[in-house]
C-alpha atoms as a PDB file:
ATOM      1  CA  MET A   1     -49.172 -65.928 -15.331  1.00  0.00           C
ATOM      2  CA  GLN A   2     -51.344 -64.838 -12.362  1.00  0.00           C
ATOM      3  CA  ALA A   3     -54.287 -62.016 -12.930  1.00  0.00           C
ATOM      4  CA  ARG A   4     -53.579 -58.934 -11.013  1.00  0.00           C
ATOM      5  CA  THR A   5     -55.468 -58.530  -8.041  1.00  0.00           C
ATOM      6  CA  ASP A   6     -56.236 -55.957  -5.175  1.00  0.00           C
ATOM      7  CA  LYS A   7     -56.975 -59.041  -2.761  1.00  0.00           C
ATOM      8  CA  LEU A   8     -55.055 -60.772  -0.158  1.00  0.00           C
ATOM      9  CA  VAL A   9     -56.616 -63.107   2.124  1.00  0.00           C
ATOM     10  CA  VAL A  10     -54.154 -63.885   5.306  1.00  0.00           C
ATOM     11  CA  LEU A  11     -55.134 -67.621   6.584  1.00  0.00           C
ATOM     12  CA  ILE A  12     -53.193 -67.940  10.223  1.00  0.00           C
ATOM     13  CA  THR A  13     -53.365 -71.324  12.214  1.00  0.00           C
ATOM     14  CA  LYS A  14     -50.701 -70.489  14.732  1.00  0.00           C
ATOM     15  CA  GLY A  15     -52.277 -68.793  17.787  1.00  0.00           C
ATOM     16  CA  ILE A  16     -50.299 -66.846  20.532  1.00  0.00           C
ATOM     17  CA  GLU A  17     -47.493 -69.589  21.370  1.00  0.00           C
ATOM     18  CA  SER A  18     -45.970 -68.655  17.609  1.00  0.00           C
ATOM     19  CA  GLU A  19     -44.210 -65.475  16.119  1.00  0.00           C
ATOM     20  CA  LEU A  20     -45.975 -66.357  13.319  1.00  0.00           C
ATOM     21  CA  SER A  21     -48.856 -64.681  14.136  1.00  0.00           C
ATOM     22  CA  SER A  22     -47.711 -61.613  14.792  1.00  0.00           C
ATOM     23  CA  VAL A  23     -45.954 -62.112  11.193  1.00  0.00           C
ATOM     24  CA  ALA A  24     -49.000 -63.153   9.791  1.00  0.00           C
ATOM     25  CA  PHE A  25     -50.639 -59.780  10.983  1.00  0.00           C
ATOM     26  CA  THR A  26     -47.512 -57.514  10.336  1.00  0.00           C
ATOM     27  CA  ILE A  27     -47.650 -58.738   6.425  1.00  0.00           C
ATOM     28  CA  GLY A  28     -51.314 -58.204   6.443  1.00  0.00           C
ATOM     29  CA  ASN A  29     -51.035 -54.622   7.638  1.00  0.00           C
ATOM     30  CA  GLY A  30     -48.606 -54.041   4.853  1.00  0.00           C
ATOM     31  CA  GLY A  31     -50.851 -55.381   2.567  1.00  0.00           C
ATOM     32  CA  LEU A  32     -53.363 -52.671   3.280  1.00  0.00           C
ATOM     33  CA  THR A  33     -50.327 -50.258   3.382  1.00  0.00           C
ATOM     34  CA  ALA A  34     -50.170 -51.291  -0.123  1.00  0.00           C
ATOM     35  CA  GLY A  35     -53.787 -50.741  -0.719  1.00  0.00           C
ATOM     36  CA  LEU A  36     -54.964 -54.391  -1.108  1.00  0.00           C
ATOM     37  CA  LYS A  37     -58.101 -55.215   0.673  1.00  0.00           C
ATOM     38  CA  VAL A  38     -57.036 -57.658   3.386  1.00  0.00           C
ATOM     39  CA  SER A  39     -59.060 -60.624   5.105  1.00  0.00           C
ATOM     40  CA  VAL A  40     -57.393 -62.576   7.535  1.00  0.00           C
ATOM     41  CA  PHE A  41     -59.278 -66.248   8.537  1.00  0.00           C
ATOM     42  CA  LEU A  42     -58.424 -67.556  11.839  1.00  0.00           C
ATOM     43  CA  THR A  43     -58.374 -71.141  12.710  1.00  0.00           C
ATOM     44  CA  SER A  44     -57.340 -73.693  15.153  1.00  0.00           C
ATOM     45  CA  THR A  45     -55.249 -71.957  18.080  1.00  0.00           C
ATOM     46  CA  ALA A  46     -55.488 -68.719  16.065  1.00  0.00           C
ATOM     47  CA  ILE A  47     -58.300 -67.930  17.390  1.00  0.00           C
ATOM     48  CA  ASP A  48     -56.728 -67.201  20.886  1.00  0.00           C
ATOM     49  CA  LEU A  49     -55.724 -64.033  18.779  1.00  0.00           C
ATOM     50  CA  VAL A  50     -58.883 -62.286  18.975  1.00  0.00           C
ATOM     51  CA  ARG A  51     -59.850 -63.289  22.391  1.00  0.00           C
ATOM     52  CA  ARG A  52     -60.455 -60.620  24.385  1.00  0.00           C
ATOM     53  CA  GLY A  53     -57.054 -60.199  25.905  1.00  0.00           C
ATOM     54  CA  GLY A  54     -55.699 -63.528  24.187  1.00  0.00           C
ATOM     55  CA  GLN A  55     -53.673 -61.355  22.249  1.00  0.00           C
ATOM     56  CA  ARG A  56     -51.984 -59.055  24.416  1.00  0.00           C
ATOM     57  CA  LEU A  57     -49.736 -62.081  25.666  1.00  0.00           C
ATOM     58  CA  THR A  58     -47.311 -62.308  22.516  1.00  0.00           C
ATOM     59  CA  GLN A  59     -44.516 -59.557  22.118  1.00  0.00           C
ATOM     60  CA  VAL A  60     -41.847 -60.829  19.024  1.00  0.00           C
ATOM     61  CA  ALA A  61     -39.502 -58.195  19.275  1.00  0.00           C
ATOM     62  CA  PRO A  62     -38.776 -56.001  17.422  1.00  0.00           C
ATOM     63  CA  LEU A  63     -42.237 -56.445  15.815  1.00  0.00           C
ATOM     64  CA  THR A  64     -44.948 -54.026  17.169  1.00  0.00           C
ATOM     65  CA  ALA A  65     -47.286 -55.838  19.623  1.00  0.00           C
ATOM     66  CA  LEU A  66     -49.417 -58.307  18.867  1.00  0.00           C
ATOM     67  CA  ALA A  67     -52.551 -56.466  20.228  1.00  0.00           C
ATOM     68  CA  ASP A  68     -51.517 -52.642  18.331  1.00  0.00           C
ATOM     69  CA  LEU A  69     -51.107 -55.219  14.853  1.00  0.00           C
ATOM     70  CA  ILE A  70     -54.213 -56.194  15.131  1.00  0.00           C
ATOM     71  CA  ALA A  71     -56.269 -53.306  16.442  1.00  0.00           C
ATOM     72  CA  ASP A  72     -54.221 -51.417  13.561  1.00  0.00           C
ATOM     73  CA  PHE A  73     -55.484 -53.708  11.092  1.00  0.00           C
ATOM     74  CA  GLN A  74     -59.182 -53.892  11.637  1.00  0.00           C
ATOM     75  CA  LYS A  75     -58.930 -49.741  12.139  1.00  0.00           C
ATOM     76  CA  ARG A  76     -57.639 -49.772   8.585  1.00  0.00           C
ATOM     77  CA  GLY A  77     -59.805 -51.875   6.956  1.00  0.00           C
ATOM     78  CA  GLY A  78     -58.851 -55.520   7.508  1.00  0.00           C
ATOM     79  CA  VAL A  79     -61.384 -57.906   7.560  1.00  0.00           C
ATOM     80  CA  VAL A  80     -60.967 -60.650  10.535  1.00  0.00           C
ATOM     81  CA  TRP A  81     -63.426 -64.224  10.213  1.00  0.00           C
ATOM     82  CA  ALA A  82     -62.952 -66.453  12.612  1.00  0.00           C
ATOM     83  CA  CYS A  83     -63.768 -69.997  11.953  1.00  0.00           C
ATOM     84  CA  PRO A  84     -67.355 -71.104  13.628  1.00  0.00           C
ATOM     85  CA  PRO A  85     -65.783 -74.728  14.712  1.00  0.00           C
ATOM     86  CA  CYS A  86     -63.145 -73.497  16.121  1.00  0.00           C
ATOM     87  CA  VAL A  87     -64.601 -70.785  18.314  1.00  0.00           C
ATOM     88  CA  GLN A  88     -67.200 -73.403  19.936  1.00  0.00           C
ATOM     89  CA  SER A  89     -64.270 -75.635  20.663  1.00  0.00           C
ATOM     90  CA  ARG A  90     -63.134 -73.622  23.050  1.00  0.00           C
ATOM     91  CA  GLY A  91     -65.707 -72.853  24.691  1.00  0.00           C
ATOM     92  CA  TYR A  92     -66.566 -68.740  23.250  1.00  0.00           C
ATOM     93  CA  GLU A  93     -68.899 -66.603  22.505  1.00  0.00           C
ATOM     94  CA  GLN A  94     -68.835 -63.777  19.840  1.00  0.00           C
ATOM     95  CA  SER A  95     -69.104 -61.734  23.239  1.00  0.00           C
ATOM     96  CA  ASP A  96     -65.533 -63.065  23.915  1.00  0.00           C
ATOM     97  CA  LEU A  97     -64.066 -61.626  20.900  1.00  0.00           C
ATOM     98  CA  LEU A  98     -62.877 -58.827  20.133  1.00  0.00           C
ATOM     99  CA  ASP A  99     -64.972 -56.034  18.556  1.00  0.00           C
ATOM    100  CA  GLY A 100     -65.634 -56.514  14.763  1.00  0.00           C
ATOM    101  CA  VAL A 101     -64.258 -59.828  14.304  1.00  0.00           C
ATOM    102  CA  ILE A 102     -67.181 -61.995  12.068  1.00  0.00           C
ATOM    103  CA  VAL A 103     -67.452 -65.466  12.568  1.00  0.00           C
ATOM    104  CA  VAL A 104     -68.294 -67.120   9.506  1.00  0.00           C
ATOM    105  CA  GLY A 105     -67.352 -70.362   7.754  1.00  0.00           C
ATOM    106  CA  ALA A 106     -64.633 -70.663   5.017  1.00  0.00           C
ATOM    107  CA  SER A 107     -66.883 -69.743   2.619  1.00  0.00           C
ATOM    108  CA  ALA A 108     -65.992 -66.553   2.927  1.00  0.00           C
ATOM    109  CA  MET A 109     -62.504 -67.113   2.181  1.00  0.00           C
ATOM    110  CA  HIS A 110     -63.626 -69.232  -0.281  1.00  0.00           C
ATOM    111  CA  ALA A 111     -65.543 -66.217  -2.135  1.00  0.00           C
ATOM    112  CA  GLU A 112     -62.306 -64.400  -2.216  1.00  0.00           C
ATOM    113  CA  ILE A 113     -60.157 -66.387  -3.490  1.00  0.00           C
ATOM    114  CA  LYS A 114     -62.668 -67.267  -6.359  1.00  0.00           C
ATOM    115  CA  ASP A 115     -62.738 -63.767  -6.776  1.00  0.00           C
ATOM    116  CA  GLY A 116     -59.122 -63.439  -7.811  1.00  0.00           C
ATOM    117  CA  ALA A 117     -56.980 -62.874  -4.359  1.00  0.00           C
ATOM    118  CA  ALA A 118     -53.677 -64.191  -3.552  1.00  0.00           C
ATOM    119  CA  THR A 119     -53.221 -65.894  -0.632  1.00  0.00           C
ATOM    120  CA  LEU A 120     -51.080 -66.779   2.316  1.00  0.00           C
ATOM    121  CA  SER A 121     -50.452 -69.010   4.900  1.00  0.00           C
ATOM    122  CA  PHE A 122     -49.115 -69.045   8.654  1.00  0.00           C
END
């Protein structure tokens, strides 16, 4: 039996090309609504979700526009982490990313998992 937790880590590897990115942020927002502390760790093409303007390229009906999902997630206290090598390999710098995005290694995600966070992967 898994211990109860109030934390959720969502690992997203899909970018603007996939509806799974919208699904992941919809579920992350649902976690916040349920009272969870939700963190999202972005790797691979998911980095483009938080590149300024990148999130405006995806709308998966009937889901809320991705830009709105991400803004709502951050406004409500959700934490967004971006993988440093993934950011760097795309030639991005911190200033290319949405305000509030934290460029940090997987150790931040691992710390949450060690502290009992549930995990989801998209």
